[in-house]
Amino acid sequence: MGWLFLKVLLAGVSFSGFLYPLVDFCISGKTRGRKPNFVIILADDMGWGDLGANWAETKDTANLDKMASEGMRFVDFHAAASTCSPSRASLLTGRLGLRNGVTHNFAITSVGGLPLNETTLAEVLQQAGYVTGMIGKWHLGHHGSYHPNFRGFDYYFGIPYSHDMGCTDTPGYNHPPCPACPQGDGPSSNLQRDCYTDVALPLYENLNIVEQPVNLSSLAQKYAEKATQFIQQASTSGRPFLLYVALAHMHVPLPVTQLPAAPRGRRLYGAGLREMDSLVGRIKDKVDHTAKDNTFLWFTGDNGPWAQKCELAGSVGAFTGVWQTRRGGSPAKQTTWEGGHRVPALAYWPGRVPVNVTSTALLSVLDIFPTVVALAQASLPQGRRFDGVDISEVLFGRSQPGHRVLFHPNSGAAGESGALQTVRLERYKAFYVTGGARACDGSIGPELQHKFPLIFNLEDDIAEAVPLERGGAEYQAVLPKVRKVLADVLQDIANDNISSADYTQDPSVTPCCNPYQIACRCQAP
């Protein structure tokens, strides 16, 4: 019933730990006036079909479902890329990777990060008088000036990249499983090429590593504590605030937790969803008790589920990419199929965002930047163009359409990373390149270039199963429109002030609190 309805619709920390003095943070006599607070929560590798409010088969997201009933749910909302670093760079700049320079992921040995001439959302709001905090996964460069504290965030607590990019003593659940950090001088027990054993996973508070390796079992609790403390102290200060929470959930490894009685694989994933949902619930409760009437809370995801992790991956819902799965590989994370970039999204702001509304507007993570800047009564950075738009009218129930066109950059499965070869035009979607990411069965869909793009009508075919007939009237009517919007955006990018990211690597920049200890432990085991 849910999918039929969808088809119809588609029709504790002290602020003295900041880099800046406490007296600057708490300017006496200042109040936020009508400037709102912002809390942006970004899930990692969460599937569109994982959200209970999106007709999930299991109901593991009670707090998020409640937020949906108290606010607005978006069913045609898209990540700006289908993998970690590019998606996050676009959220914080409002620009696609071909503009901001971030077209693929950074490594633990990366010297660079999000180019320094790109202005982040935090920097814009900081200049507008906001206090800014970030908790969680950064993945936009950790060395030197690329660290969050130098990119507009007064406070940072989290892991500088994905939490599978280092070993821990509590490795959690992964597929295939990874070993714990070595405890002595013996040879590594690592037999999997995707596992890290030489360097433990670091946890930062501002510029300092406070734990290495991270205890993943208590990470969600720590994130919840830091987030609620930030909200409390920022609210007390009298200044408006921006809090960006980039969750570790639902990326692997999933934490070791108490499991209900159910088939093991789904038990693990469901338990992880419930832990994530509880964390979000605590943040929302804190907002409700301290700044409910003047805080805009936004929840969404960075990309679709990581299918090669099998039962430890989320659900794409009805967006199954059938055309691709018939040819091998996954149509989820790292691809430009709907399962790779269509993500859950909720907006909550009592008294401003309408209650219990489902929006079918075509929207993107790219829209967060210009929308927040507008609501904060700040100004967009000059001398550059943006791919996102201010969607305040949609959020407040005064408008519905959203974008006419979105571009989905290649994200690892096929084509040159960052290139724009997939176009969403109203209800149509055109592919100039196709390919499947690694699936649970190990298969990878072959990369295929399409001189004449595959075009799907998503209104009739949300599973992307059967493209329009190339010789048909509908295809012939849509093709020139697709070609024009693609040519227009590429020309616009060519005329823009674009950036180039430094992707060089150097082992010496790997975060390590004690190079004299095995795996960079802060203390001997």
Protein backbone atom coordinates (compact mmCIF):
# COMPACT_ATOMS: atom_id res chain seq x y z
CA MET A 1 0.00 0.00 0.00
CA GLY A 2 2.85 2.36 0.88
CA TRP A 3 4.57 1.99 -2.49
CA LEU A 4 1.30 2.56 -4.34
CA PHE A 5 0.81 5.73 -2.30
CA LEU A 6 4.37 6.80 -3.15
CA LYS A 7 3.68 6.35 -6.86
CA VAL A 8 0.58 8.48 -6.52
CA LEU A 9 2.52 11.12 -4.59
CA LEU A 10 5.20 11.22 -7.20
CA ALA A 11 2.91 12.14 -9.43
CA GLY A 12 29.92 17.05 28.68
CA VAL A 13 32.31 19.77 27.41
CA SER A 14 33.24 23.26 28.54
CA PHE A 15 33.28 25.89 25.83
CA SER A 16 36.66 26.92 27.19
CA GLY A 17 37.80 24.03 25.00
CA PHE A 18 36.96 26.14 21.95
CA LEU A 19 39.69 27.67 19.87
CA TYR A 20 38.15 31.01 20.75
CA PRO A 21 37.88 32.55 24.25
CA LEU A 22 34.71 31.96 26.19
CA VAL A 23 34.18 35.70 26.53
CA ASP A 24 33.90 35.96 22.74
CA PHE A 25 31.35 33.14 22.68
CA CYS A 26 29.11 34.69 25.32
CA ILE A 27 28.81 38.33 24.30
CA SER A 28 26.85 39.86 27.14
CA GLY A 29 23.69 41.71 26.31
CA LYS A 30 23.32 40.14 22.88
CA THR A 31 20.28 38.11 21.97
CA ARG A 32 19.55 36.16 18.85
CA GLY A 33 16.56 38.33 17.93
CA ARG A 34 14.72 36.47 15.23
CA LYS A 35 17.75 34.65 13.88
CA PRO A 36 16.94 30.94 14.16
CA ASN A 37 19.16 28.15 15.39
CA PHE A 38 20.00 25.27 13.06
CA VAL A 39 20.60 21.59 13.82
CA ILE A 40 21.57 19.53 10.77
CA ILE A 41 21.77 15.77 11.34
CA LEU A 42 23.34 13.67 8.58
CA ALA A 43 23.02 9.89 8.63
CA ASP A 44 25.68 7.76 6.94
CA ASP A 45 24.76 5.02 4.41
CA MET A 46 21.12 5.02 5.52
CA GLY A 47 18.68 3.68 2.95
CA TRP A 48 15.56 5.55 1.85
CA GLY A 49 13.59 2.47 2.88
CA ASP A 50 15.05 2.37 6.41
CA LEU A 51 12.84 5.20 7.66
CA GLY A 52 9.65 3.87 9.18
CA ALA A 53 7.74 6.89 7.85
CA ASN A 54 8.81 5.82 4.34
CA TRP A 55 6.82 2.60 4.65
CA ALA A 56 9.74 0.49 5.87
CA GLU A 57 8.99 -3.18 6.43
CA THR A 58 10.19 -2.87 10.02
CA LYS A 59 9.61 0.05 12.38
CA ASP A 60 12.98 0.83 13.95
CA THR A 61 12.84 4.64 13.78
CA ALA A 62 10.18 5.68 16.28
CA ASN A 63 11.72 9.09 17.06
CA LEU A 64 12.27 9.95 13.40
CA ASP A 65 8.74 8.82 12.55
CA LYS A 66 7.44 11.09 15.31
CA MET A 67 9.48 13.95 13.89
CA ALA A 68 7.93 13.26 10.47
CA SER A 69 4.44 13.46 11.99
CA GLU A 70 5.35 16.75 13.67
CA GLY A 71 7.02 18.26 10.62
CA MET A 72 7.60 17.72 6.91
CA ARG A 73 8.79 14.55 5.17
CA PHE A 74 10.38 14.67 1.72
CA VAL A 75 10.05 11.65 -0.57
CA ASP A 76 12.02 13.00 -3.58
CA PHE A 77 15.09 14.31 -1.75
CA HIS A 78 18.60 13.57 -3.03
CA ALA A 79 22.18 13.51 -1.83
CA ALA A 80 24.52 15.65 -3.93
CA ALA A 81 26.73 12.61 -4.58
CA SER A 82 26.59 8.89 -3.78
CA THR A 83 29.70 8.67 -1.63
CA CYS A 84 31.06 10.26 1.53
CA SER A 85 33.43 13.17 0.91
CA PRO A 86 31.74 14.66 -2.18
CA SER A 87 28.31 14.52 -0.56
CA ARG A 88 29.54 16.31 2.57
CA ALA A 89 31.49 18.90 0.60
CA SER A 90 28.33 19.77 -1.33
CA LEU A 91 26.26 20.04 1.85
CA LEU A 92 28.71 22.54 3.33
CA THR A 93 29.23 24.58 0.14
CA GLY A 94 25.97 24.28 -1.83
CA ARG A 95 28.09 23.37 -4.88
CA LEU A 96 28.64 20.21 -6.91
CA GLY A 97 32.03 18.52 -6.87
CA LEU A 98 32.99 19.90 -10.29
CA ARG A 99 32.78 23.34 -8.68
CA ASN A 100 34.11 22.74 -5.15
CA GLY A 101 36.83 20.30 -6.26
CA VAL A 102 35.79 17.31 -4.12
CA THR A 103 34.96 14.49 -6.51
CA HIS A 104 36.00 11.41 -4.50
CA ASN A 105 36.89 10.40 -0.96
CA PHE A 106 39.86 11.52 1.09
CA ALA A 107 42.15 8.99 2.80
CA ILE A 108 43.73 8.82 6.24
CA THR A 109 46.99 9.88 4.57
CA SER A 110 45.43 12.75 2.58
CA VAL A 111 47.42 15.97 2.74
CA GLY A 112 44.53 18.11 1.53
CA GLY A 113 40.79 18.33 1.85
CA LEU A 114 37.93 20.64 0.90
CA PRO A 115 39.80 23.44 -0.91
CA LEU A 116 40.55 26.37 1.35
CA ASN A 117 39.11 28.91 -1.10
CA GLU A 118 35.69 27.24 -0.71
CA THR A 119 33.52 28.91 1.95
CA THR A 120 31.65 26.56 4.27
CA LEU A 121 28.21 27.06 5.74
CA ALA A 122 29.82 27.30 9.17
CA GLU A 123 32.09 30.12 8.03
CA VAL A 124 29.15 32.09 6.63
CA LEU A 125 27.13 31.72 9.85
CA GLN A 126 30.14 32.39 12.05
CA GLN A 127 30.54 35.74 10.29
CA ALA A 128 26.81 36.36 10.89
CA GLY A 129 27.24 36.04 14.66
CA TYR A 130 26.48 32.37 15.12
CA VAL A 131 28.34 29.99 17.39
CA THR A 132 29.09 26.85 15.42
CA GLY A 133 29.70 23.26 16.40
CA MET A 134 30.25 19.98 14.65
CA ILE A 135 30.00 16.48 16.06
CA GLY A 136 30.84 13.31 14.17
CA LYS A 137 32.37 12.34 10.84
CA TRP A 138 34.18 15.11 8.94
CA HIS A 139 35.90 13.39 5.97
CA LEU A 140 36.92 16.65 4.28
CA GLY A 141 40.57 16.70 5.31
CA HIS A 142 42.13 16.52 8.77
CA HIS A 143 45.66 17.82 8.24
CA GLY A 144 46.55 21.40 9.11
CA SER A 145 44.11 24.03 7.89
CA TYR A 146 41.64 21.43 6.61
CA HIS A 147 40.58 20.48 10.14
CA PRO A 148 36.99 21.49 11.09
CA ASN A 149 38.20 24.08 13.62
CA PHE A 150 39.76 25.99 10.72
CA ARG A 151 36.71 25.62 8.46
CA GLY A 152 34.25 27.65 10.53
CA PHE A 153 33.47 25.36 13.45
CA ASP A 154 34.15 26.82 16.90
CA TYR A 155 33.88 23.36 18.40
CA TYR A 156 34.55 19.90 17.00
CA PHE A 157 34.15 16.45 18.53
CA GLY A 158 34.36 13.39 16.33
CA ILE A 159 36.22 11.10 13.96
CA PRO A 160 37.92 12.83 11.01
CA TYR A 161 36.78 10.23 8.47
CA SER A 162 34.72 7.03 8.25
CA HIS A 163 34.91 4.84 11.33
CA ASP A 164 36.00 1.80 9.31
CA MET A 165 39.23 3.65 8.40
CA GLY A 166 41.14 2.52 11.46
CA CYS A 167 41.21 -0.39 13.88
CA THR A 168 39.57 -0.44 17.30
CA ASP A 169 39.47 -2.73 20.32
CA THR A 170 35.69 -2.99 19.81
CA PRO A 171 35.54 -3.65 16.06
CA GLY A 172 31.79 -4.20 15.84
CA TYR A 173 30.11 -5.95 12.92
CA ASN A 174 31.44 -5.70 9.39
CA HIS A 175 31.25 -7.82 6.26
CA PRO A 176 33.76 -9.35 6.03
CA PRO A 177 34.70 -8.92 9.70
CA CYS A 178 37.81 -6.93 10.61
CA PRO A 179 40.14 -7.78 13.52
CA ALA A 180 40.73 -5.66 16.61
CA CYS A 181 43.82 -3.48 16.89
CA PRO A 182 47.04 -5.38 17.58
CA GLN A 183 48.01 -5.51 21.23
CA GLY A 184 51.71 -6.28 20.87
CA ASP A 185 54.60 -6.67 18.46
CA GLY A 186 53.26 -9.79 16.73
CA PRO A 187 52.26 -9.88 13.08
CA SER A 188 48.94 -8.40 12.08
CA SER A 189 45.99 -10.78 11.95
CA ASN A 190 44.52 -8.79 9.07
CA LEU A 191 43.53 -11.00 6.18
CA GLN A 192 41.14 -8.55 4.53
CA ARG A 193 42.42 -5.84 2.21
CA ASP A 194 39.63 -3.46 3.32
CA CYS A 195 40.61 -3.61 7.00
CA TYR A 196 42.95 -1.20 8.78
CA THR A 197 45.24 -2.61 11.47
CA ASP A 198 48.33 -0.41 11.48
CA VAL A 199 46.64 2.74 12.81
CA ALA A 200 43.90 2.94 15.42
CA LEU A 201 40.81 5.06 14.83
CA PRO A 202 41.22 8.52 16.44
CA LEU A 203 38.62 10.59 18.30
CA TYR A 204 39.20 14.34 18.32
CA GLU A 205 38.02 17.12 20.56
CA ASN A 206 38.97 20.27 18.70
CA LEU A 207 42.62 19.84 17.67
CA ASN A 208 43.46 17.12 20.20
CA ILE A 209 43.16 13.37 19.89
CA VAL A 210 41.42 12.36 23.12
CA GLU A 211 41.05 8.64 22.39
CA GLN A 212 42.90 6.27 20.07
CA PRO A 213 41.52 3.75 19.38
CA VAL A 214 37.90 4.89 19.72
CA ASN A 215 35.54 2.72 21.75
CA LEU A 216 32.79 2.29 19.15
CA SER A 217 30.41 0.75 21.68
CA SER A 218 30.11 4.06 23.55
CA LEU A 219 30.44 6.42 20.59
CA ALA A 220 26.72 7.10 20.15
CA GLN A 221 26.41 7.94 23.84
CA LYS A 222 29.34 10.36 23.61
CA TYR A 223 27.90 12.03 20.52
CA ALA A 224 24.53 12.46 22.24
CA GLU A 225 26.17 13.96 25.33
CA LYS A 226 28.30 16.41 23.37
CA ALA A 227 25.40 17.45 21.15
CA THR A 228 23.03 18.13 24.04
CA GLN A 229 25.73 19.98 25.98
CA PHE A 230 26.45 22.17 22.97
CA ILE A 231 22.76 23.01 22.52
CA GLN A 232 22.39 23.84 26.21
CA GLN A 233 25.43 26.08 26.44
CA ALA A 234 24.83 27.75 23.09
CA SER A 235 21.24 28.50 24.09
CA THR A 236 22.40 29.95 27.40
CA SER A 237 24.91 32.18 25.64
CA GLY A 238 22.20 34.25 23.94
CA ARG A 239 23.73 33.77 20.50
CA PRO A 240 22.15 31.78 17.67
CA PHE A 241 23.85 28.49 16.90
CA LEU A 242 24.56 26.01 14.14
CA LEU A 243 25.10 22.39 15.14
CA TYR A 244 26.09 19.91 12.42
CA VAL A 245 25.91 16.28 13.58
CA ALA A 246 27.37 13.78 11.11
CA LEU A 247 26.46 10.38 12.53
CA ALA A 248 28.52 7.20 12.33
CA HIS A 249 25.28 5.26 11.78
CA MET A 250 24.47 3.42 9.51
CA HIS A 251 27.97 2.95 8.13
CA VAL A 252 29.79 -0.26 9.04
CA PRO A 253 31.10 -1.43 11.40
CA LEU A 254 27.81 -1.53 13.28
CA PRO A 255 28.28 -1.30 17.04
CA VAL A 256 28.07 -4.29 19.33
CA THR A 257 24.78 -3.91 21.16
CA GLN A 258 22.05 -5.93 22.82
CA LEU A 259 20.09 -7.73 20.13
CA PRO A 260 16.42 -8.71 19.99
CA ALA A 261 15.22 -12.10 18.85
CA ALA A 262 15.18 -12.02 15.04
CA PRO A 263 17.26 -13.32 12.14
CA ARG A 264 20.85 -12.35 12.95
CA GLY A 265 21.62 -10.06 10.00
CA ARG A 266 18.51 -7.93 10.28
CA ARG A 267 18.79 -7.99 14.08
CA LEU A 268 22.17 -6.29 13.79
CA TYR A 269 21.02 -3.67 11.33
CA GLY A 270 17.73 -3.06 13.15
CA ALA A 271 19.57 -2.63 16.44
CA GLY A 272 21.86 -0.09 14.79
CA LEU A 273 18.86 1.80 13.42
CA ARG A 274 17.27 1.92 16.86
CA GLU A 275 20.49 3.19 18.43
CA MET A 276 20.74 5.91 15.78
CA ASP A 277 17.08 6.79 16.24
CA SER A 278 17.55 7.06 20.00
CA LEU A 279 20.52 9.41 19.50
CA VAL A 280 18.45 11.64 17.19
CA GLY A 281 15.61 11.52 19.69
CA ARG A 282 17.86 12.81 22.47
CA ILE A 283 19.02 15.71 20.31
CA LYS A 284 15.44 16.60 19.36
CA ASP A 285 14.31 16.38 22.98
CA LYS A 286 17.06 18.78 23.98
CA VAL A 287 15.99 21.20 21.26
CA ASP A 288 12.38 20.92 22.41
CA HIS A 289 13.31 21.71 26.01
CA THR A 290 15.69 24.60 25.31
CA ALA A 291 14.93 26.34 22.01
CA LYS A 292 11.92 24.68 20.41
CA ASP A 293 10.26 27.77 18.98
CA ASN A 294 13.36 29.09 17.26
CA THR A 295 15.29 26.02 16.07
CA PHE A 296 15.14 24.43 12.64
CA LEU A 297 16.09 20.75 12.73
CA TRP A 298 16.97 19.00 9.47
CA PHE A 299 17.58 15.25 9.14
CA THR A 300 18.85 13.58 5.98
CA GLY A 301 21.51 11.20 4.65
CA ASP A 302 24.79 11.37 2.74
CA ASN A 303 24.02 8.60 0.23
CA GLY A 304 22.23 5.28 -0.13
CA PRO A 305 23.11 1.97 1.51
CA TRP A 306 26.39 0.13 0.94
CA ALA A 307 25.01 -3.02 -0.67
CA GLN A 308 28.25 -5.03 -0.60
CA LYS A 309 27.87 -5.21 3.18
CA CYS A 310 24.95 -7.61 2.65
CA GLU A 311 22.72 -7.96 5.72
CA LEU A 312 24.58 -5.05 7.35
CA ALA A 313 23.35 -2.66 4.63
CA GLY A 314 20.11 -0.72 4.57
CA SER A 315 17.11 -0.77 2.25
CA VAL A 316 16.62 1.21 -0.95
CA GLY A 317 12.87 0.67 -0.65
CA ALA A 318 11.17 0.58 -4.04
CA PHE A 319 14.14 2.18 -5.80
CA THR A 320 15.68 -1.12 -6.83
CA GLY A 321 17.44 -0.16 -10.08
CA VAL A 322 16.14 -3.23 -11.86
CA TRP A 323 17.78 -2.38 -15.20
CA GLN A 324 21.17 -2.49 -13.47
CA THR A 325 20.60 -5.49 -11.22
CA ARG A 326 19.71 -7.56 -14.27
CA ARG A 327 23.21 -6.83 -15.56
CA GLY A 328 25.03 -7.32 -12.27
CA GLY A 329 26.19 -5.15 -9.44
CA SER A 330 24.39 -2.96 -6.92
CA PRO A 331 22.25 0.11 -7.76
CA ALA A 332 22.88 1.74 -4.37
CA LYS A 333 25.83 3.66 -2.85
CA GLN A 334 28.48 4.79 -5.36
CA THR A 335 25.98 4.70 -8.25
CA THR A 336 23.68 7.25 -9.86
CA TRP A 337 20.66 4.94 -9.67
CA GLU A 338 17.93 6.20 -7.32
CA GLY A 339 19.07 3.84 -4.57
CA GLY A 340 22.44 5.58 -4.53
CA HIS A 341 21.32 9.14 -3.96
CA ARG A 342 17.62 9.26 -2.95
CA VAL A 343 17.79 9.63 0.83
CA PRO A 344 15.43 10.08 3.81
CA ALA A 345 14.78 13.71 4.70
CA LEU A 346 12.76 15.44 7.42
CA ALA A 347 12.31 19.08 8.46
CA TYR A 348 11.10 20.09 11.91
CA TRP A 349 10.43 23.60 13.18
CA PRO A 350 7.30 23.99 15.35
CA GLY A 351 5.18 26.90 14.31
CA ARG A 352 7.02 27.38 11.01
CA VAL A 353 7.18 24.04 9.16
CA PRO A 354 3.68 22.55 8.64
CA VAL A 355 2.80 19.47 10.68
CA ASN A 356 2.50 15.98 9.19
CA VAL A 357 3.06 17.05 5.59
CA THR A 358 4.58 14.87 2.87
CA SER A 359 6.33 16.88 0.16
CA THR A 360 6.95 15.50 -3.33
CA ALA A 361 9.12 18.49 -4.30
CA LEU A 362 12.34 17.58 -6.10
CA LEU A 363 15.00 18.71 -3.61
CA SER A 364 18.67 18.16 -2.80
CA VAL A 365 21.19 18.29 0.02
CA LEU A 366 22.64 21.14 -2.05
CA ASP A 367 19.65 23.25 -0.97
CA ILE A 368 20.59 23.20 2.71
CA PHE A 369 23.38 25.77 2.27
CA PRO A 370 21.40 28.56 0.53
CA THR A 371 18.29 27.90 2.61
CA VAL A 372 20.08 28.16 5.95
CA VAL A 373 22.01 31.24 4.79
CA ALA A 374 18.75 32.94 3.81
CA LEU A 375 16.97 32.05 7.05
CA ALA A 376 19.98 33.27 9.04
CA GLN A 377 19.72 36.64 7.25
CA ALA A 378 23.28 36.17 6.03
CA SER A 379 24.76 36.60 2.54
CA LEU A 380 25.95 34.00 0.08
CA PRO A 381 29.68 34.11 -0.69
CA GLN A 382 30.45 36.30 -3.69
CA GLY A 383 32.26 35.36 -6.88
CA ARG A 384 30.88 31.83 -7.26
CA ARG A 385 27.74 30.04 -8.38
CA PHE A 386 25.62 27.60 -6.45
CA ASP A 387 23.74 24.47 -7.43
CA GLY A 388 21.37 24.55 -4.47
CA VAL A 389 18.48 26.97 -4.08
CA ASP A 390 16.65 28.56 -1.16
CA ILE A 391 13.67 26.25 -0.54
CA SER A 392 12.11 28.22 2.33
CA GLU A 393 8.84 28.49 0.40
CA VAL A 394 8.64 24.70 0.18
CA LEU A 395 9.51 24.27 3.86
CA PHE A 396 6.84 26.69 5.00
CA GLY A 397 4.16 25.12 2.80
CA ARG A 398 3.85 28.03 0.39
CA SER A 399 5.30 26.28 -2.69
CA GLN A 400 5.68 22.74 -3.96
CA PRO A 401 7.73 22.24 -7.15
CA GLY A 402 11.37 22.49 -5.99
CA HIS A 403 13.93 21.90 -8.73
CA ARG A 404 13.13 21.26 -12.36
CA VAL A 405 16.58 19.73 -12.91
CA LEU A 406 19.15 17.91 -10.77
CA PHE A 407 22.51 16.45 -11.80
CA HIS A 408 23.84 13.29 -10.18
CA PRO A 409 27.66 13.09 -10.33
CA ASN A 410 29.51 9.83 -10.94
CA SER A 411 30.50 8.50 -7.52
CA GLY A 412 32.76 5.52 -8.08
CA ALA A 413 30.72 2.80 -9.79
CA ALA A 414 31.12 4.06 -13.36
CA GLY A 415 32.57 6.97 -15.29
CA GLU A 416 35.02 9.64 -14.19
CA SER A 417 34.40 10.61 -10.57
CA GLY A 418 32.43 13.84 -10.26
CA ALA A 419 31.48 14.00 -13.93
CA LEU A 420 27.84 14.85 -14.67
CA GLN A 421 26.47 12.02 -16.81
CA THR A 422 23.11 11.46 -15.12
CA VAL A 423 20.36 14.06 -15.41
CA ARG A 424 17.05 14.32 -13.57
CA LEU A 425 14.63 16.47 -15.56
CA GLU A 426 11.22 16.73 -13.90
CA ARG A 427 9.87 13.16 -13.91
CA TYR A 428 12.52 11.88 -16.31
CA LYS A 429 16.00 10.58 -15.60
CA ALA A 430 18.67 10.16 -18.28
CA PHE A 431 21.87 8.09 -18.02
CA TYR A 432 24.84 8.67 -20.31
CA VAL A 433 26.80 6.08 -18.33
CA THR A 434 25.64 3.11 -16.25
CA GLY A 435 27.37 0.68 -13.95
CA GLY A 436 26.77 -1.26 -10.77
CA ALA A 437 28.78 -0.99 -7.56
CA ARG A 438 29.95 -4.17 -5.85
CA ALA A 439 26.92 -6.16 -4.71
CA CYS A 440 26.53 -8.57 -1.82
CA ASP A 441 27.29 -11.48 -4.15
CA GLY A 442 30.55 -9.84 -5.20
CA SER A 443 29.38 -8.92 -8.69
CA ILE A 444 30.15 -5.54 -10.27
CA GLY A 445 27.98 -4.21 -13.06
CA PRO A 446 29.99 -3.36 -16.20
CA GLU A 447 30.47 0.28 -17.12
CA LEU A 448 28.45 1.11 -20.22
CA GLN A 449 28.57 4.42 -22.09
CA HIS A 450 25.36 5.51 -23.82
CA LYS A 451 25.71 7.92 -26.74
CA PHE A 452 21.94 8.04 -26.73
CA PRO A 453 21.10 8.08 -23.02
CA LEU A 454 18.82 5.63 -21.30
CA ILE A 455 15.79 7.65 -20.21
CA PHE A 456 13.37 6.45 -17.54
CA ASN A 457 10.01 7.94 -16.59
CA LEU A 458 10.20 7.77 -12.80
CA GLU A 459 6.54 8.60 -12.44
CA ASP A 460 5.68 5.27 -14.06
CA ASP A 461 8.86 3.33 -13.26
CA ILE A 462 10.39 4.14 -9.87
CA ALA A 463 12.31 0.84 -10.01
CA GLU A 464 14.18 2.10 -13.12
CA ALA A 465 13.42 -1.16 -14.89
CA VAL A 466 12.47 -0.31 -18.48
CA PRO A 467 13.85 2.74 -20.31
CA LEU A 468 11.79 4.61 -22.86
CA GLU A 469 11.94 3.32 -26.42
CA ARG A 470 14.59 5.35 -28.25
CA GLY A 471 12.42 5.71 -31.30
CA GLY A 472 9.30 6.60 -29.36
CA ALA A 473 7.68 10.02 -29.29
CA GLU A 474 8.20 10.46 -25.54
CA TYR A 475 11.94 9.76 -25.81
CA GLN A 476 12.33 12.06 -28.79
CA ALA A 477 10.52 14.85 -26.95
CA VAL A 478 12.65 14.56 -23.81
CA LEU A 479 16.10 14.00 -25.38
CA PRO A 480 16.73 17.55 -26.67
CA LYS A 481 15.67 19.00 -23.30
CA VAL A 482 18.14 16.71 -21.50
CA ARG A 483 20.92 17.66 -23.87
CA LYS A 484 20.23 21.37 -23.39
CA VAL A 485 20.17 21.39 -19.58
CA LEU A 486 23.35 19.29 -19.48
CA ALA A 487 25.14 21.57 -21.94
CA ASP A 488 23.95 24.61 -19.98
CA VAL A 489 25.27 23.40 -16.62
CA LEU A 490 28.63 22.35 -18.07
CA GLN A 491 28.99 25.80 -19.66
CA ASP A 492 28.02 27.43 -16.37
CA ILE A 493 30.66 25.41 -14.52
CA ALA A 494 33.26 26.31 -17.15
CA ASN A 495 32.52 30.01 -16.52
CA ASP A 496 32.49 29.67 -12.72
CA ASN A 497 35.15 30.20 -10.08
CA ILE A 498 35.94 26.52 -9.50
CA SER A 499 38.32 24.86 -7.05
CA SER A 500 40.69 21.92 -7.21
CA ALA A 501 41.22 19.61 -4.24
CA ASP A 502 44.66 18.34 -3.26
CA TYR A 503 44.42 14.54 -3.23
CA THR A 504 48.11 13.84 -2.64
CA GLN A 505 48.94 11.45 0.18
CA ASP A 506 51.71 11.32 2.77
CA PRO A 507 51.82 8.73 5.59
CA SER A 508 53.25 11.34 7.95
CA VAL A 509 49.89 13.18 8.13
CA THR A 510 48.06 10.12 9.49
CA PRO A 511 46.46 11.05 12.84
CA CYS A 512 48.57 9.46 15.58
CA CYS A 513 48.63 10.52 19.22
CA ASN A 514 51.61 8.32 20.11
CA PRO A 515 53.80 7.00 17.27
CA TYR A 516 55.84 4.98 19.78
CA GLN A 517 52.91 2.74 20.64
CA ILE A 518 51.50 -0.09 18.55
CA ALA A 519 48.73 1.24 16.27
CA CYS A 520 49.30 4.76 17.68
CA ARG A 521 47.63 4.01 21.00
CA CYS A 522 47.39 6.90 23.40
CA GLN A 523 48.26 4.50 26.18
CA ALA A 524 49.96 1.13 26.17
CA PRO A 525 47.42 -1.73 26.26
